[in-house]
Amino acid sequence: MAKLDQKKGEAPRAWQRMLSGRRLNILDPSPLDIEIEDIAHGLARVARWNGQTLGTLPFNVAHHSVIVEDICTQLKPGWPVKWRLAALLHDAPEYVIGDVISPFKAALGAKYKQVEIGLERAVHVRFGLPADLPEAIEKTIKRADRACAFFEACQIAGFEDAEARKIFSAPRGIAPVEIKALDTQASQALYLERFEKLYREHAKALS
C-alpha cells in the first residue's frame, strides 16, 4: 500500500516541512529553505548522547553548539567572526537528521555523510560562509567539539576519566567547562542570541 504522501510509482518524499513553513529537501537542500529559527528550534530539542545523560533534562545540541563556539574563542582569541559563526553552526544539519552517535555514523557509511555535507553546505551559503570551510578552520572546530564532548562524557554521560581520555583525548590549553543542561526554551534562546550577535558582526564585516 502506497504511503499517503506518495503516489504509486513516485520516488519517496525527500522534504521535511519546517515550522517556518519551509519545505527543505534533505537530499538536495536549497539555502533559500533554511531559517535560523528552524535550526534553533530543532537543535534545542535534539538530545546529545541519545539522551543517555544524568539529570532530569537532556543536554541538547543547541547548548552544546554555544559551548563549542566559546571553546573556539579560547583556542583562537581574535578569530574572525565568520569562523566563530561557523563554529556555532557546526552541528546545524542535526536539526534535520538528529544527533547520530559516532559508531552509528560509521555503520551508516558514505550515504549519511553525503546528506550531512549537503545540508552543511546549504547552511553555510545561507548565512554567507564558504560552502566548504578551510581545513585549518575545520580542525579548530573539531578540536573544540571533541573538548566539549570530553567534558560532557565525564560530567553527564557516565564515562570514567580514563575512558574519556582514550576516546576523546584530554583537552589541552582549554579551561574546564561545567556542563549543566538547560531546558529547551533557554537553550533555544541562548542559541538565537549568540547567532544574532555573530551574524550581525559578520554581515557588517561583509558590507
Protein backbone atom coordinates (compact mmCIF):
# COMPACT_ATOMS: atom_id res chain seq x y z
CA MET A 1 0.00 0.00 0.00
CA ALA A 2 1.42 3.38 -1.00
CA LYS A 3 2.15 5.95 1.69
CA LEU A 4 -0.36 8.79 1.98
CA ASP A 5 2.12 11.42 0.70
CA GLN A 6 3.47 9.28 -2.13
CA LYS A 7 1.63 8.24 -5.27
CA LYS A 8 2.31 4.87 -6.82
CA GLY A 9 5.50 4.96 -8.88
CA GLU A 10 6.76 8.22 -7.38
CA ALA A 11 10.05 8.50 -5.55
CA PRO A 12 9.79 8.67 -1.75
CA ARG A 13 9.27 12.14 -0.30
CA ALA A 14 12.64 13.76 0.45
CA TRP A 15 11.49 17.02 2.06
CA GLN A 16 10.57 17.93 5.60
CA ARG A 17 8.14 20.69 6.45
CA MET A 18 9.53 23.15 9.00
CA LEU A 19 7.54 25.25 11.45
CA SER A 20 8.52 28.32 9.44
CA GLY A 21 6.56 26.82 6.55
CA ARG A 22 9.70 25.98 4.54
CA ARG A 23 9.95 22.60 2.84
CA LEU A 24 13.57 21.51 3.00
CA ASN A 25 14.64 18.82 0.56
CA ILE A 26 17.05 16.75 2.63
CA LEU A 27 18.71 15.19 -0.43
CA ASP A 28 19.04 18.44 -2.39
CA PRO A 29 18.79 21.28 0.15
CA SER A 30 18.40 24.85 -1.01
CA PRO A 31 19.87 27.65 1.13
CA LEU A 32 16.63 29.54 0.50
CA ASP A 33 14.72 26.94 2.53
CA ILE A 34 16.91 27.31 5.63
CA GLU A 35 15.87 29.59 8.50
CA ILE A 36 17.82 30.10 11.72
CA GLU A 37 14.62 29.89 13.77
CA ASP A 38 14.05 26.35 12.46
CA ILE A 39 17.63 25.40 13.24
CA ALA A 40 17.48 26.76 16.80
CA HIS A 41 14.09 25.18 17.42
CA GLY A 42 15.26 21.78 16.20
CA LEU A 43 18.67 21.71 17.87
CA ALA A 44 17.19 22.70 21.23
CA ARG A 45 15.08 19.54 21.02
CA VAL A 46 17.82 17.12 19.92
CA ALA A 47 19.49 15.32 22.82
CA ARG A 48 23.21 14.65 22.88
CA TRP A 49 24.33 11.08 23.67
CA ASN A 50 20.92 9.74 22.60
CA GLY A 51 19.60 11.09 25.90
CA GLN A 52 21.85 8.80 27.96
CA THR A 53 22.85 11.56 30.36
CA LEU A 54 22.47 12.29 34.05
CA GLY A 55 19.79 14.60 35.39
CA THR A 56 16.19 15.31 34.59
CA LEU A 57 16.93 17.42 31.49
CA PRO A 58 18.60 16.13 28.32
CA PHE A 59 21.68 18.04 27.25
CA ASN A 60 20.77 19.38 23.83
CA VAL A 61 22.70 20.22 20.68
CA ALA A 62 21.85 23.94 20.73
CA HIS A 63 23.54 24.36 24.12
CA HIS A 64 26.46 22.18 23.03
CA SER A 65 26.97 24.37 19.95
CA VAL A 66 27.21 27.54 22.02
CA ILE A 67 29.83 25.93 24.25
CA VAL A 68 31.84 24.79 21.21
CA GLU A 69 31.87 28.37 19.93
CA ASP A 70 33.05 29.54 23.37
CA ILE A 71 35.89 27.00 23.31
CA CYS A 72 36.93 28.15 19.83
CA THR A 73 37.36 31.69 21.16
CA GLN A 74 39.66 30.26 23.84
CA LEU A 75 41.68 28.39 21.24
CA LYS A 76 41.78 31.27 18.78
CA PRO A 77 41.48 34.67 20.50
CA GLY A 78 40.67 37.30 17.91
CA TRP A 79 39.35 34.71 15.44
CA PRO A 80 37.38 36.37 12.62
CA VAL A 81 33.70 36.43 13.43
CA LYS A 82 32.83 34.37 10.34
CA TRP A 83 34.70 31.38 11.77
CA ARG A 84 33.03 31.82 15.15
CA LEU A 85 29.70 31.75 13.31
CA ALA A 86 30.79 28.58 11.52
CA ALA A 87 31.62 27.05 14.92
CA LEU A 88 28.16 27.87 16.24
CA LEU A 89 26.61 26.28 13.13
CA HIS A 90 28.87 23.21 13.13
CA ASP A 91 26.03 20.85 14.09
CA ALA A 92 23.26 22.70 12.25
CA PRO A 93 22.41 19.71 9.96
CA GLU A 94 21.26 17.87 13.08
CA TYR A 95 18.10 20.00 13.19
CA VAL A 96 17.01 17.78 10.30
CA ILE A 97 18.85 14.48 10.73
CA GLY A 98 19.32 14.35 14.50
CA ASP A 99 22.45 13.74 16.54
CA VAL A 100 23.65 10.36 15.33
CA ILE A 101 26.34 8.93 17.61
CA SER A 102 29.73 8.26 16.00
CA PRO A 103 29.52 4.43 15.99
CA PHE A 104 26.20 4.58 14.13
CA LYS A 105 27.55 7.16 11.66
CA ALA A 106 30.35 4.75 10.82
CA ALA A 107 27.85 1.95 10.31
CA LEU A 108 25.68 4.09 8.00
CA GLY A 109 28.67 4.90 5.83
CA ALA A 110 29.13 7.28 2.92
CA LYS A 111 25.46 7.99 2.17
CA TYR A 112 24.90 9.50 5.61
CA LYS A 113 28.00 11.67 5.23
CA GLN A 114 26.81 12.82 1.80
CA VAL A 115 23.49 14.00 3.23
CA GLU A 116 25.20 15.68 6.19
CA ILE A 117 27.67 17.54 3.97
CA GLY A 118 24.92 18.67 1.60
CA LEU A 119 22.96 20.19 4.48
CA GLU A 120 26.08 21.76 5.96
CA ARG A 121 26.97 23.43 2.65
CA ALA A 122 23.46 24.82 2.27
CA VAL A 123 23.57 26.24 5.81
CA HIS A 124 26.93 27.87 5.16
CA VAL A 125 25.79 29.50 1.92
CA ARG A 126 22.55 30.68 3.56
CA PHE A 127 24.49 32.64 6.16
CA GLY A 128 27.31 33.99 3.99
CA LEU A 129 30.02 31.45 4.76
CA PRO A 130 32.09 29.41 2.31
CA ALA A 131 30.24 26.22 1.36
CA ASP A 132 33.35 24.25 2.37
CA LEU A 133 35.39 25.60 5.26
CA PRO A 134 39.19 25.77 5.05
CA GLU A 135 40.82 22.67 6.52
CA ALA A 136 42.50 24.63 9.33
CA ILE A 137 39.15 26.07 10.40
CA GLU A 138 37.53 22.64 10.34
CA LYS A 139 40.34 21.27 12.52
CA THR A 140 39.94 24.01 15.13
CA ILE A 141 36.17 23.50 15.31
CA LYS A 142 36.65 19.73 15.55
CA ARG A 143 39.16 20.19 18.36
CA ALA A 144 36.66 22.35 20.27
CA ASP A 145 33.89 19.84 19.54
CA ARG A 146 35.94 16.95 20.94
CA ALA A 147 36.89 19.02 24.00
CA CYS A 148 33.22 19.70 24.71
CA ALA A 149 32.44 16.00 24.19
CA PHE A 150 35.17 15.12 26.73
CA PHE A 151 33.66 17.40 29.37
CA GLU A 152 30.18 16.05 28.62
CA ALA A 153 31.39 12.45 28.75
CA CYS A 154 32.99 12.87 32.17
CA GLN A 155 30.31 15.04 33.77
CA ILE A 156 26.98 13.81 32.45
CA ALA A 157 27.41 10.77 30.17
CA GLY A 158 28.78 8.29 32.69
CA PHE A 159 32.33 7.90 31.33
CA GLU A 160 35.27 7.30 33.63
CA ASP A 161 38.04 9.85 33.15
CA ALA A 162 40.46 7.28 31.70
CA GLU A 163 37.87 6.04 29.21
CA ALA A 164 37.02 9.57 28.10
CA ARG A 165 40.71 10.40 27.68
CA LYS A 166 41.18 7.32 25.50
CA ILE A 167 38.24 8.08 23.22
CA PHE A 168 38.20 11.89 23.08
CA SER A 169 41.66 12.88 24.39
CA ALA A 170 42.00 15.26 27.32
CA PRO A 171 41.68 18.88 26.16
CA ARG A 172 44.86 20.93 26.30
CA GLY A 173 45.02 24.70 26.51
CA ILE A 174 41.31 24.87 27.35
CA ALA A 175 39.79 25.90 30.68
CA PRO A 176 37.46 23.21 32.08
CA VAL A 177 33.81 23.75 31.21
CA GLU A 178 30.96 22.94 33.59
CA ILE A 179 28.26 21.06 31.72
CA LYS A 180 24.83 21.81 33.11
CA ALA A 181 21.77 21.14 30.98
CA LEU A 182 19.35 23.96 30.21
CA ASP A 183 15.73 23.48 29.30
CA THR A 184 14.55 23.67 25.72
CA GLN A 185 13.37 27.27 25.80
CA ALA A 186 16.52 28.57 27.49
CA SER A 187 18.79 26.68 25.07
CA GLN A 188 16.87 27.89 22.04
CA ALA A 189 17.01 31.50 23.26
CA LEU A 190 20.74 31.22 24.05
CA TYR A 191 21.48 29.84 20.58
CA LEU A 192 19.48 32.53 18.81
CA GLU A 193 21.02 35.29 20.90
CA ARG A 194 24.54 34.08 20.07
CA PHE A 195 23.66 33.68 16.38
CA GLU A 196 22.18 37.16 16.12
CA LYS A 197 25.27 38.71 17.71
CA LEU A 198 27.71 36.86 15.47
CA TYR A 199 25.67 37.20 12.29
CA ARG A 200 25.23 40.94 12.82
CA GLU A 201 29.00 41.35 13.15
CA HIS A 202 29.58 39.04 10.18
CA ALA A 203 27.15 40.97 7.97
CA LYS A 204 28.82 44.25 8.99
CA ALA A 205 32.23 42.85 8.03
CA LEU A 206 30.89 41.83 4.61
CA SER A 207 29.37 45.25 3.86
